[in-house]
Amino acid sequence: MNQEEKKRLFQEILEKLKESFPPNTVEFKEVRAAAKGSGVYIPVQPYIHRLNEVAGQHWSWTDGRTEIFHEDDLVQYTGILRILDSEREGIGFSKIQRYGDSGKAANLKEAIKSARSDALRDAADLFEMGWRDLAPYRKWASNPGTGLDDYVKKATDNRTSIKDEPFCMKCRMPLTDRDLELKKKYRLQYNYCEKDIPPHLIK
């Protein structure tokens, strides 16, 4: 394959990588005292599936040789996402939890794995993967330079089409009075209808 063919193939792959993910790919988590939108994310698995489906043998992920442990119990990991001749470096972090009595790490393996996943998502972001899906929740998406104006507008139109009522973050249905009562009862930061409240948030 010559350089011109590689360039053309890369552009074809890139455009497919940038396409919106299926509905409900975006997930939400409760984050106390977090910045707006920081609790909205796409898990690493949809990114990997998209890369396999679209780029196939033309993508690779190279982990950093070793993880870095910081004094505040953060583990850091870096990696390189390569698609044909283009590569992007991603960096990921995860928190190490410790047993109260001994101070021994309780989730070391999971923390390292989580940091690796975070690094892959970070690198995929540099290929604009997931931008269209996260646009409604990211302030920077309204900047004309991102090319996401249409996606932000569509999201806004969808919200106003339900008369500006609060809507469930998962199923997008308007919240009932019962849903709002439960939100207050369980002190939820995000809007969920009764059937979509994550079980671990019900106390």
N, C-alpha and C. Protein backbone atom coordinates (compact mmCIF):
# COMPACT_ATOMS: atom_id res chain seq x y z
N MET A 1 0.85 -1.19 0.00
CA MET A 1 0.00 0.00 0.00
C MET A 1 0.89 1.25 0.00
N ASN A 2 0.72 2.12 -0.99
CA ASN A 2 1.53 3.33 -1.06
C ASN A 2 0.98 4.41 -0.12
N GLN A 3 1.68 5.53 0.01
CA GLN A 3 1.31 6.57 0.96
C GLN A 3 -0.04 7.19 0.64
N GLU A 4 -0.33 7.35 -0.64
CA GLU A 4 -1.61 7.94 -1.03
C GLU A 4 -2.77 7.03 -0.63
N GLU A 5 -2.59 5.75 -0.81
CA GLU A 5 -3.62 4.77 -0.44
C GLU A 5 -3.80 4.74 1.08
N LYS A 6 -2.67 4.81 1.81
CA LYS A 6 -2.75 4.83 3.26
C LYS A 6 -3.49 6.07 3.76
N LYS A 7 -3.18 7.19 3.14
CA LYS A 7 -3.82 8.44 3.54
C LYS A 7 -5.33 8.37 3.31
N ARG A 8 -5.72 7.84 2.16
CA ARG A 8 -7.14 7.72 1.85
C ARG A 8 -7.84 6.75 2.81
N LEU A 9 -7.19 5.63 3.10
CA LEU A 9 -7.76 4.64 4.02
C LEU A 9 -7.90 5.21 5.42
N PHE A 10 -6.88 5.96 5.84
CA PHE A 10 -6.94 6.56 7.18
C PHE A 10 -8.12 7.52 7.29
N GLN A 11 -8.35 8.34 6.28
CA GLN A 11 -9.47 9.27 6.31
C GLN A 11 -10.81 8.53 6.36
N GLU A 12 -10.90 7.42 5.64
CA GLU A 12 -12.13 6.62 5.66
C GLU A 12 -12.36 6.03 7.06
N ILE A 13 -11.29 5.51 7.66
CA ILE A 13 -11.39 4.94 9.01
C ILE A 13 -11.74 6.03 10.01
N LEU A 14 -11.09 7.18 9.91
CA LEU A 14 -11.31 8.27 10.85
C LEU A 14 -12.76 8.73 10.83
N GLU A 15 -13.33 8.87 9.65
CA GLU A 15 -14.72 9.32 9.56
C GLU A 15 -15.67 8.32 10.22
N LYS A 16 -15.39 7.04 10.09
CA LYS A 16 -16.23 6.02 10.70
C LYS A 16 -16.04 5.99 12.22
N LEU A 17 -14.80 6.22 12.68
CA LEU A 17 -14.54 6.27 14.12
C LEU A 17 -15.30 7.42 14.77
N LYS A 18 -15.46 8.51 14.05
CA LYS A 18 -16.10 9.71 14.59
C LYS A 18 -17.62 9.63 14.62
N GLU A 19 -18.18 8.62 14.00
CA GLU A 19 -19.64 8.48 13.97
C GLU A 19 -20.20 8.28 15.38
N SER A 20 -21.45 8.65 15.56
CA SER A 20 -22.10 8.49 16.86
C SER A 20 -22.17 7.02 17.25
N PHE A 21 -22.06 6.77 18.54
CA PHE A 21 -22.24 5.41 19.06
C PHE A 21 -23.74 5.11 19.13
N PRO A 22 -24.12 3.85 19.32
CA PRO A 22 -25.54 3.51 19.46
C PRO A 22 -26.18 4.22 20.66
N PRO A 23 -27.50 4.39 20.64
CA PRO A 23 -28.19 5.01 21.79
C PRO A 23 -27.85 4.30 23.10
N ASN A 24 -27.79 5.09 24.17
CA ASN A 24 -27.53 4.60 25.53
C ASN A 24 -26.09 4.15 25.76
N THR A 25 -25.17 4.50 24.84
CA THR A 25 -23.75 4.20 25.05
C THR A 25 -23.17 5.11 26.14
N VAL A 26 -23.63 6.35 26.16
CA VAL A 26 -23.17 7.30 27.19
C VAL A 26 -23.74 6.87 28.53
N GLU A 27 -22.89 6.87 29.55
CA GLU A 27 -23.32 6.49 30.90
C GLU A 27 -23.13 7.66 31.86
N PHE A 28 -23.80 7.56 32.99
CA PHE A 28 -23.77 8.64 33.98
C PHE A 28 -23.43 8.07 35.35
N LYS A 29 -22.65 8.82 36.09
CA LYS A 29 -22.31 8.39 37.44
C LYS A 29 -22.47 9.57 38.39
N GLU A 30 -22.79 9.26 39.61
CA GLU A 30 -22.93 10.30 40.61
C GLU A 30 -21.55 10.76 41.06
N VAL A 31 -21.30 12.05 40.92
CA VAL A 31 -20.02 12.61 41.36
C VAL A 31 -20.31 13.82 42.22
N ARG A 32 -20.08 13.70 43.50
CA ARG A 32 -20.36 14.81 44.41
C ARG A 32 -19.36 15.93 44.20
N ALA A 33 -19.90 17.14 44.21
CA ALA A 33 -19.06 18.34 44.10
C ALA A 33 -18.17 18.30 42.87
N ALA A 34 -18.67 17.71 41.79
CA ALA A 34 -17.87 17.64 40.56
C ALA A 34 -18.32 18.72 39.60
N ALA A 35 -17.44 19.04 38.67
CA ALA A 35 -17.78 20.03 37.66
C ALA A 35 -18.89 19.48 36.77
N LYS A 36 -19.70 20.38 36.22
CA LYS A 36 -20.81 19.96 35.35
C LYS A 36 -20.28 19.12 34.19
N GLY A 37 -20.90 17.96 33.97
CA GLY A 37 -20.51 17.11 32.85
C GLY A 37 -19.43 16.11 33.17
N SER A 38 -18.80 16.23 34.34
CA SER A 38 -17.70 15.33 34.65
C SER A 38 -18.17 13.92 34.98
N GLY A 39 -19.47 13.78 35.28
CA GLY A 39 -20.00 12.46 35.59
C GLY A 39 -20.58 11.76 34.38
N VAL A 40 -20.36 12.32 33.20
CA VAL A 40 -20.86 11.75 31.95
C VAL A 40 -19.69 11.17 31.18
N TYR A 41 -19.80 9.90 30.78
CA TYR A 41 -18.66 9.28 30.13
C TYR A 41 -19.09 8.11 29.24
N ILE A 42 -18.16 7.61 28.45
CA ILE A 42 -18.36 6.41 27.64
C ILE A 42 -17.36 5.37 28.12
N PRO A 43 -17.81 4.18 28.50
CA PRO A 43 -16.88 3.14 28.96
C PRO A 43 -15.88 2.78 27.86
N VAL A 44 -14.79 2.12 28.24
CA VAL A 44 -13.75 1.79 27.27
C VAL A 44 -14.20 0.74 26.26
N GLN A 45 -15.09 -0.16 26.65
CA GLN A 45 -15.48 -1.27 25.76
C GLN A 45 -16.08 -0.81 24.43
N PRO A 46 -16.97 0.19 24.40
CA PRO A 46 -17.47 0.66 23.10
C PRO A 46 -16.36 1.22 22.20
N TYR A 47 -15.35 1.85 22.81
CA TYR A 47 -14.22 2.34 22.01
C TYR A 47 -13.47 1.17 21.37
N ILE A 48 -13.20 0.14 22.15
CA ILE A 48 -12.47 -1.02 21.63
C ILE A 48 -13.28 -1.71 20.54
N HIS A 49 -14.57 -1.86 20.78
CA HIS A 49 -15.43 -2.51 19.76
C HIS A 49 -15.43 -1.71 18.47
N ARG A 50 -15.53 -0.38 18.57
CA ARG A 50 -15.53 0.47 17.39
C ARG A 50 -14.20 0.36 16.64
N LEU A 51 -13.10 0.36 17.38
CA LEU A 51 -11.78 0.22 16.74
C LEU A 51 -11.65 -1.11 16.02
N ASN A 52 -12.10 -2.18 16.67
CA ASN A 52 -12.04 -3.51 16.03
C ASN A 52 -12.91 -3.57 14.79
N GLU A 53 -14.09 -2.98 14.90
CA GLU A 53 -15.07 -3.05 13.83
C GLU A 53 -14.66 -2.20 12.63
N VAL A 54 -14.10 -1.03 12.89
CA VAL A 54 -13.80 -0.08 11.82
C VAL A 54 -12.35 -0.15 11.34
N ALA A 55 -11.40 -0.24 12.28
CA ALA A 55 -9.99 -0.22 11.91
C ALA A 55 -9.38 -1.61 11.76
N GLY A 56 -9.99 -2.60 12.43
CA GLY A 56 -9.52 -3.98 12.30
C GLY A 56 -8.04 -4.14 12.59
N GLN A 57 -7.32 -4.72 11.64
CA GLN A 57 -5.89 -4.98 11.82
C GLN A 57 -5.04 -3.71 11.76
N HIS A 58 -5.66 -2.59 11.44
CA HIS A 58 -4.89 -1.36 11.24
C HIS A 58 -4.73 -0.53 12.51
N TRP A 59 -5.20 -1.05 13.66
CA TRP A 59 -4.99 -0.30 14.90
C TRP A 59 -4.22 -1.15 15.90
N SER A 60 -3.53 -0.48 16.81
CA SER A 60 -2.81 -1.18 17.88
C SER A 60 -2.71 -0.27 19.09
N TRP A 61 -2.55 -0.89 20.25
CA TRP A 61 -2.43 -0.15 21.51
C TRP A 61 -1.18 -0.61 22.20
N THR A 62 -0.29 0.31 22.47
CA THR A 62 0.97 -0.01 23.14
C THR A 62 0.96 0.61 24.53
N ASP A 63 0.94 -0.24 25.56
CA ASP A 63 0.97 0.25 26.94
C ASP A 63 2.33 0.83 27.27
N GLY A 64 2.33 1.76 28.24
CA GLY A 64 3.59 2.23 28.77
C GLY A 64 4.29 1.09 29.47
N ARG A 65 5.58 1.17 29.62
CA ARG A 65 6.34 0.05 30.19
C ARG A 65 6.03 -0.19 31.66
N THR A 66 5.65 0.87 32.35
CA THR A 66 5.37 0.71 33.77
C THR A 66 4.41 1.78 34.23
N GLU A 67 3.67 1.50 35.29
CA GLU A 67 2.78 2.48 35.85
C GLU A 67 3.54 3.39 36.81
N ILE A 68 3.01 4.57 37.03
CA ILE A 68 3.62 5.54 37.94
C ILE A 68 2.69 5.72 39.14
N PHE A 69 3.22 5.60 40.33
CA PHE A 69 2.42 5.76 41.54
C PHE A 69 2.73 7.11 42.17
N HIS A 70 1.69 7.88 42.43
CA HIS A 70 1.84 9.20 43.02
C HIS A 70 1.54 9.15 44.52
N GLU A 71 2.02 10.14 45.23
CA GLU A 71 1.89 10.16 46.68
C GLU A 71 0.45 10.22 47.15
N ASP A 72 -0.45 10.80 46.33
CA ASP A 72 -1.85 10.91 46.73
C ASP A 72 -2.66 9.67 46.35
N ASP A 73 -1.96 8.53 46.20
CA ASP A 73 -2.60 7.25 45.90
C ASP A 73 -3.23 7.18 44.51
N LEU A 74 -2.72 7.99 43.61
CA LEU A 74 -3.16 7.90 42.22
C LEU A 74 -2.16 7.06 41.44
N VAL A 75 -2.67 6.18 40.57
CA VAL A 75 -1.79 5.43 39.68
C VAL A 75 -1.98 6.02 38.29
N GLN A 76 -0.87 6.24 37.61
CA GLN A 76 -0.88 6.86 36.29
C GLN A 76 -0.38 5.85 35.25
N TYR A 77 -1.03 5.87 34.08
CA TYR A 77 -0.62 4.97 33.00
C TYR A 77 -0.70 5.71 31.69
N THR A 78 0.25 5.44 30.81
CA THR A 78 0.24 6.05 29.48
C THR A 78 0.31 4.96 28.41
N GLY A 79 -0.17 5.29 27.24
CA GLY A 79 -0.13 4.33 26.14
C GLY A 79 -0.25 5.05 24.80
N ILE A 80 0.03 4.35 23.75
CA ILE A 80 -0.03 4.90 22.40
C ILE A 80 -1.08 4.15 21.58
N LEU A 81 -2.05 4.88 21.06
CA LEU A 81 -3.04 4.31 20.15
C LEU A 81 -2.58 4.64 18.72
N ARG A 82 -2.36 3.60 17.94
CA ARG A 82 -1.86 3.78 16.59
C ARG A 82 -2.87 3.27 15.57
N ILE A 83 -3.16 4.08 14.57
CA ILE A 83 -4.03 3.70 13.46
C ILE A 83 -3.26 3.99 12.17
N LEU A 84 -2.87 2.92 11.49
CA LEU A 84 -1.98 3.03 10.33
C LEU A 84 -0.73 3.79 10.75
N ASP A 85 -0.44 4.95 10.14
CA ASP A 85 0.78 5.68 10.49
C ASP A 85 0.53 6.82 11.48
N SER A 86 -0.68 6.92 11.98
CA SER A 86 -1.01 8.00 12.92
C SER A 86 -1.12 7.45 14.33
N GLU A 87 -0.57 8.16 15.26
CA GLU A 87 -0.62 7.72 16.65
C GLU A 87 -0.93 8.87 17.59
N ARG A 88 -1.61 8.53 18.69
CA ARG A 88 -1.96 9.50 19.72
C ARG A 88 -1.62 8.90 21.07
N GLU A 89 -1.05 9.72 21.95
CA GLU A 89 -0.72 9.26 23.30
C GLU A 89 -1.86 9.58 24.25
N GLY A 90 -2.21 8.61 25.07
CA GLY A 90 -3.24 8.82 26.07
C GLY A 90 -2.67 8.64 27.46
N ILE A 91 -3.23 9.35 28.41
CA ILE A 91 -2.79 9.23 29.80
C ILE A 91 -4.02 8.98 30.67
N GLY A 92 -3.89 8.05 31.60
CA GLY A 92 -5.02 7.71 32.45
C GLY A 92 -4.63 7.65 33.92
N PHE A 93 -5.60 7.88 34.78
CA PHE A 93 -5.37 7.86 36.22
C PHE A 93 -6.46 7.04 36.90
N SER A 94 -6.14 6.50 38.05
CA SER A 94 -7.11 5.79 38.86
C SER A 94 -6.69 5.89 40.32
N LYS A 95 -7.67 5.80 41.20
CA LYS A 95 -7.42 5.95 42.63
C LYS A 95 -7.22 4.59 43.28
N ILE A 96 -6.19 4.47 44.09
CA ILE A 96 -5.94 3.25 44.84
C ILE A 96 -6.66 3.34 46.18
N GLN A 97 -7.46 2.34 46.47
CA GLN A 97 -8.15 2.28 47.77
C GLN A 97 -7.32 1.44 48.73
N ARG A 98 -7.34 1.80 50.00
CA ARG A 98 -6.52 1.08 50.98
C ARG A 98 -7.37 0.58 52.16
N TYR A 99 -6.95 -0.54 52.70
CA TYR A 99 -7.59 -1.06 53.91
C TYR A 99 -7.26 -0.13 55.07
N GLY A 100 -8.26 0.16 55.88
CA GLY A 100 -8.09 1.12 56.96
C GLY A 100 -7.03 0.75 57.96
N ASP A 101 -6.98 -0.50 58.40
CA ASP A 101 -6.07 -0.90 59.46
C ASP A 101 -4.62 -1.01 59.00
N SER A 102 -4.41 -1.75 57.93
CA SER A 102 -3.04 -2.02 57.48
C SER A 102 -2.50 -1.00 56.49
N GLY A 103 -3.42 -0.30 55.80
CA GLY A 103 -2.97 0.64 54.78
C GLY A 103 -2.57 -0.05 53.49
N LYS A 104 -2.76 -1.35 53.43
CA LYS A 104 -2.42 -2.12 52.24
C LYS A 104 -3.42 -1.82 51.12
N ALA A 105 -2.92 -1.78 49.88
CA ALA A 105 -3.79 -1.51 48.72
C ALA A 105 -4.85 -2.59 48.59
N ALA A 106 -6.10 -2.15 48.45
CA ALA A 106 -7.21 -3.10 48.36
C ALA A 106 -7.60 -3.40 46.93
N ASN A 107 -7.19 -2.55 46.00
CA ASN A 107 -7.65 -2.71 44.61
C ASN A 107 -6.54 -2.43 43.60
N LEU A 108 -5.32 -2.83 43.93
CA LEU A 108 -4.18 -2.47 43.09
C LEU A 108 -4.35 -2.92 41.64
N LYS A 109 -4.70 -4.18 41.44
CA LYS A 109 -4.85 -4.71 40.08
C LYS A 109 -5.95 -3.96 39.32
N GLU A 110 -7.08 -3.73 40.00
CA GLU A 110 -8.20 -3.05 39.36
C GLU A 110 -7.85 -1.59 39.06
N ALA A 111 -7.08 -0.96 39.95
CA ALA A 111 -6.70 0.43 39.75
C ALA A 111 -5.80 0.58 38.53
N ILE A 112 -4.85 -0.33 38.38
CA ILE A 112 -3.95 -0.29 37.22
C ILE A 112 -4.75 -0.53 35.93
N LYS A 113 -5.64 -1.50 35.98
CA LYS A 113 -6.47 -1.79 34.80
C LYS A 113 -7.34 -0.60 34.44
N SER A 114 -7.90 0.05 35.45
CA SER A 114 -8.74 1.21 35.23
C SER A 114 -7.94 2.37 34.63
N ALA A 115 -6.71 2.55 35.09
CA ALA A 115 -5.85 3.61 34.55
C ALA A 115 -5.52 3.33 33.08
N ARG A 116 -5.29 2.06 32.74
CA ARG A 116 -5.02 1.70 31.35
C ARG A 116 -6.23 2.01 30.47
N SER A 117 -7.41 1.65 30.97
CA SER A 117 -8.64 1.92 30.21
C SER A 117 -8.83 3.42 30.02
N ASP A 118 -8.56 4.18 31.06
CA ASP A 118 -8.68 5.63 31.00
C ASP A 118 -7.71 6.20 29.97
N ALA A 119 -6.52 5.63 29.89
CA ALA A 119 -5.52 6.10 28.92
C ALA A 119 -5.97 5.82 27.50
N LEU A 120 -6.57 4.65 27.27
CA LEU A 120 -7.05 4.32 25.93
C LEU A 120 -8.17 5.27 25.52
N ARG A 121 -9.09 5.55 26.44
CA ARG A 121 -10.17 6.50 26.13
C ARG A 121 -9.61 7.87 25.82
N ASP A 122 -8.59 8.26 26.56
CA ASP A 122 -7.96 9.57 26.35
C ASP A 122 -7.33 9.66 24.97
N ALA A 123 -6.67 8.59 24.54
CA ALA A 123 -6.06 8.57 23.22
C ALA A 123 -7.13 8.55 22.12
N ALA A 124 -8.19 7.77 22.34
CA ALA A 124 -9.29 7.71 21.36
C ALA A 124 -9.95 9.07 21.20
N ASP A 125 -10.02 9.82 22.29
CA ASP A 125 -10.59 11.17 22.23
C ASP A 125 -9.83 12.05 21.26
N LEU A 126 -8.53 11.83 21.13
CA LEU A 126 -7.72 12.64 20.22
C LEU A 126 -7.97 12.29 18.76
N PHE A 127 -8.66 11.18 18.51
CA PHE A 127 -9.14 10.84 17.16
C PHE A 127 -10.61 11.25 17.01
N GLU A 128 -11.11 12.03 17.98
CA GLU A 128 -12.48 12.57 17.99
C GLU A 128 -13.55 11.50 18.19
N MET A 129 -13.17 10.36 18.71
CA MET A 129 -14.15 9.32 19.00
C MET A 129 -15.01 9.72 20.20
N GLY A 130 -16.31 9.59 20.06
CA GLY A 130 -17.22 9.92 21.16
C GLY A 130 -17.61 11.38 21.26
N TRP A 131 -17.00 12.25 20.46
CA TRP A 131 -17.30 13.67 20.56
C TRP A 131 -18.77 13.96 20.32
N ARG A 132 -19.36 13.33 19.31
CA ARG A 132 -20.75 13.60 18.96
C ARG A 132 -21.70 13.17 20.08
N ASP A 133 -21.35 12.09 20.74
CA ASP A 133 -22.21 11.57 21.81
C ASP A 133 -22.10 12.42 23.08
N LEU A 134 -20.92 12.94 23.34
CA LEU A 134 -20.70 13.71 24.57
C LEU A 134 -20.95 15.20 24.39
N ALA A 135 -21.18 15.63 23.15
CA ALA A 135 -21.36 17.05 22.85
C ALA A 135 -22.42 17.73 23.72
N PRO A 136 -23.59 17.10 23.96
CA PRO A 136 -24.61 17.79 24.76
C PRO A 136 -24.19 18.06 26.20
N TYR A 137 -23.12 17.39 26.66
CA TYR A 137 -22.70 17.51 28.06
C TYR A 137 -21.37 18.24 28.22
N ARG A 138 -20.80 18.71 27.12
CA ARG A 138 -19.49 19.36 27.18
C ARG A 138 -19.60 20.82 26.71
N LYS A 139 -19.15 21.72 27.55
CA LYS A 139 -19.24 23.14 27.23
C LYS A 139 -18.46 23.49 25.97
N TRP A 140 -17.30 22.84 25.77
CA TRP A 140 -16.47 23.17 24.62
C TRP A 140 -17.11 22.77 23.30
N ALA A 141 -18.12 21.87 23.35
CA ALA A 141 -18.73 21.37 22.12
C ALA A 141 -19.47 22.45 21.35
N SER A 142 -19.90 23.53 22.04
CA SER A 142 -20.63 24.60 21.36
C SER A 142 -19.70 25.54 20.59
N ASN A 143 -18.39 25.35 20.77
CA ASN A 143 -17.44 26.16 20.01
C ASN A 143 -17.51 25.75 18.54
N PRO A 144 -17.72 26.71 17.62
CA PRO A 144 -17.84 26.38 16.19
C PRO A 144 -16.64 25.62 15.65
N GLY A 145 -15.48 25.80 16.25
CA GLY A 145 -14.27 25.15 15.76
C GLY A 145 -14.26 23.64 15.93
N THR A 146 -15.15 23.11 16.77
CA THR A 146 -15.20 21.67 16.98
C THR A 146 -15.98 20.95 15.88
N GLY A 147 -16.79 21.70 15.13
CA GLY A 147 -17.61 21.08 14.09
C GLY A 147 -18.81 20.33 14.64
N LEU A 148 -19.18 20.62 15.89
CA LEU A 148 -20.27 19.87 16.54
C LEU A 148 -21.54 20.68 16.72
N ASP A 149 -21.63 21.83 16.09
CA ASP A 149 -22.77 22.72 16.27
C ASP A 149 -24.11 22.00 16.07
N ASP A 150 -24.19 21.19 15.02
CA ASP A 150 -25.45 20.51 14.70
C ASP A 150 -25.86 19.54 15.80
N TYR A 151 -24.88 18.86 16.39
CA TYR A 151 -25.18 17.86 17.42
C TYR A 151 -25.63 18.54 18.71
N VAL A 152 -25.03 19.68 19.03
CA VAL A 152 -25.44 20.42 20.22
C VAL A 152 -26.85 20.97 20.02
N LYS A 153 -27.13 21.48 18.82
CA LYS A 153 -28.44 22.04 18.52
C LYS A 153 -29.52 20.96 18.57
N LYS A 154 -29.22 19.78 18.01
CA LYS A 154 -30.20 18.69 18.03
C LYS A 154 -30.52 18.27 19.46
N ALA A 155 -29.49 18.21 20.29
CA ALA A 155 -29.70 17.82 21.69
C ALA A 155 -30.57 18.85 22.39
N THR A 156 -30.31 20.14 22.11
CA THR A 156 -31.11 21.21 22.71
C THR A 156 -32.54 21.13 22.24
N ASP A 157 -32.73 20.89 20.94
CA ASP A 157 -34.08 20.77 20.39
C ASP A 157 -34.84 19.61 21.01
N ASN A 158 -34.15 18.49 21.22
CA ASN A 158 -34.79 17.32 21.82
C ASN A 158 -35.25 17.62 23.24
N ARG A 159 -34.46 18.39 23.95
CA ARG A 159 -34.83 18.71 25.33
C ARG A 159 -36.03 19.66 25.36
N THR A 160 -36.04 20.68 24.47
CA THR A 160 -37.15 21.62 24.48
C THR A 160 -38.42 20.97 23.96
N SER A 161 -38.29 19.87 23.20
CA SER A 161 -39.46 19.21 22.64
C SER A 161 -40.29 18.52 23.73
N ILE A 162 -39.73 18.35 24.90
CA ILE A 162 -40.51 17.79 26.01
C ILE A 162 -40.84 18.89 27.02
N LYS A 163 -41.01 20.13 26.46
CA LYS A 163 -41.49 21.27 27.23
C LYS A 163 -40.59 21.62 28.40
N ASP A 164 -39.29 21.42 28.19
CA ASP A 164 -38.30 21.81 29.20
C ASP A 164 -38.49 21.11 30.54
N GLU A 165 -39.21 20.00 30.56
CA GLU A 165 -39.37 19.24 31.79
C GLU A 165 -38.06 18.51 32.11
N PRO A 166 -37.79 18.24 33.39
CA PRO A 166 -36.62 17.41 33.72
C PRO A 166 -36.80 16.05 33.07
N PHE A 167 -35.71 15.48 32.57
CA PHE A 167 -35.80 14.19 31.91
C PHE A 167 -34.78 13.22 32.48
N CYS A 168 -35.08 11.94 32.35
CA CYS A 168 -34.19 10.89 32.85
C CYS A 168 -32.92 10.84 32.02
N MET A 169 -31.78 10.81 32.69
CA MET A 169 -30.49 10.79 32.01
C MET A 169 -30.29 9.50 31.21
N LYS A 170 -31.03 8.45 31.54
CA LYS A 170 -30.82 7.17 30.87
C LYS A 170 -31.82 6.94 29.74
N CYS A 171 -33.10 7.02 30.06
CA CYS A 171 -34.12 6.71 29.03
C CYS A 171 -34.66 7.95 28.34
N ARG A 172 -34.31 9.15 28.84
CA ARG A 172 -34.70 10.43 28.24
C ARG A 172 -36.20 10.75 28.36
N MET A 173 -36.90 10.02 29.22
CA MET A 173 -38.32 10.30 29.42
C MET A 173 -38.48 11.38 30.49
N PRO A 174 -39.53 12.24 30.35
CA PRO A 174 -39.76 13.28 31.37
C PRO A 174 -39.97 12.66 32.74
N LEU A 175 -39.49 13.34 33.77
CA LEU A 175 -39.66 12.83 35.13
C LEU A 175 -41.06 13.14 35.65
N THR A 176 -41.62 12.19 36.36
CA THR A 176 -42.92 12.38 37.00
C THR A 176 -42.72 13.00 38.38
N ASP A 177 -43.82 13.38 39.01
CA ASP A 177 -43.72 13.91 40.37
C ASP A 177 -43.09 12.87 41.30
N ARG A 178 -43.44 11.61 41.08
CA ARG A 178 -42.88 10.51 41.88
C ARG A 178 -41.36 10.45 41.69
N ASP A 179 -40.91 10.58 40.45
CA ASP A 179 -39.46 10.55 40.16
C ASP A 179 -38.75 11.68 40.89
N LEU A 180 -39.35 12.87 40.89
CA LEU A 180 -38.73 14.02 41.55
C LEU A 180 -38.70 13.84 43.06
N GLU A 181 -39.71 13.19 43.60
CA GLU A 181 -39.73 12.90 45.04
C GLU A 181 -38.59 11.96 45.42
N LEU A 182 -38.38 10.94 44.56
CA LEU A 182 -37.31 9.98 44.82
C LEU A 182 -35.94 10.64 44.67
N LYS A 183 -35.82 11.55 43.71
CA LYS A 183 -34.55 12.26 43.54
C LYS A 183 -34.19 13.00 44.82
N LYS A 184 -35.20 13.65 45.40
CA LYS A 184 -34.97 14.39 46.64
C LYS A 184 -34.68 13.44 47.80
N LYS A 185 -35.45 12.35 47.86
CA LYS A 185 -35.31 11.38 48.95
C LYS A 185 -33.91 10.78 48.99
N TYR A 186 -33.40 10.36 47.80
CA TYR A 186 -32.09 9.71 47.73
C TYR A 186 -30.94 10.69 47.48
N ARG A 187 -31.28 11.98 47.43
CA ARG A 187 -30.28 13.03 47.23
C ARG A 187 -29.43 12.78 45.98
N LEU A 188 -30.12 12.55 44.88
CA LEU A 188 -29.44 12.26 43.62
C LEU A 188 -28.98 13.55 42.94
N GLN A 189 -27.79 13.52 42.39
CA GLN A 189 -27.28 14.69 41.68
C GLN A 189 -27.84 14.76 40.27
N TYR A 190 -28.03 13.59 39.64
CA TYR A 190 -28.55 13.54 38.28
C TYR A 190 -29.99 13.06 38.27
N ASN A 191 -30.68 13.36 37.17
CA ASN A 191 -32.07 12.98 37.04
C ASN A 191 -32.23 11.55 36.55
N TYR A 192 -32.99 10.75 37.31
CA TYR A 192 -33.33 9.39 36.90
C TYR A 192 -34.81 9.17 37.14
N CYS A 193 -35.45 8.43 36.23
CA CYS A 193 -36.81 8.00 36.53
C CYS A 193 -36.72 6.84 37.52
N GLU A 194 -37.83 6.47 38.12
CA GLU A 194 -37.81 5.46 39.18
C GLU A 194 -37.17 4.14 38.74
N LYS A 195 -37.47 3.69 37.52
CA LYS A 195 -36.97 2.39 37.08
C LYS A 195 -35.49 2.42 36.71
N ASP A 196 -34.93 3.62 36.49
CA ASP A 196 -33.54 3.70 36.04
C ASP A 196 -32.57 4.17 37.12
N ILE A 197 -33.04 4.34 38.35
CA ILE A 197 -32.13 4.75 39.42
C ILE A 197 -31.13 3.62 39.66
N PRO A 198 -29.83 3.87 39.57
CA PRO A 198 -28.85 2.82 39.83
C PRO A 198 -29.05 2.23 41.23
N PRO A 199 -29.09 0.91 41.35
CA PRO A 199 -29.37 0.25 42.64
C PRO A 199 -28.45 0.72 43.78
N HIS A 200 -27.18 0.98 43.46
CA HIS A 200 -26.26 1.33 44.54
C HIS A 200 -26.53 2.73 45.13
N LEU A 201 -27.40 3.51 44.46
CA LEU A 201 -27.71 4.83 44.96
C LEU A 201 -28.95 4.84 45.85
N ILE A 202 -29.63 3.69 45.90
CA ILE A 202 -30.83 3.60 46.73
C ILE A 202 -30.44 3.14 48.12
N LYS A 203 -30.62 3.99 49.08
CA LYS A 203 -30.22 3.68 50.45
C LYS A 203 -31.43 3.71 51.37
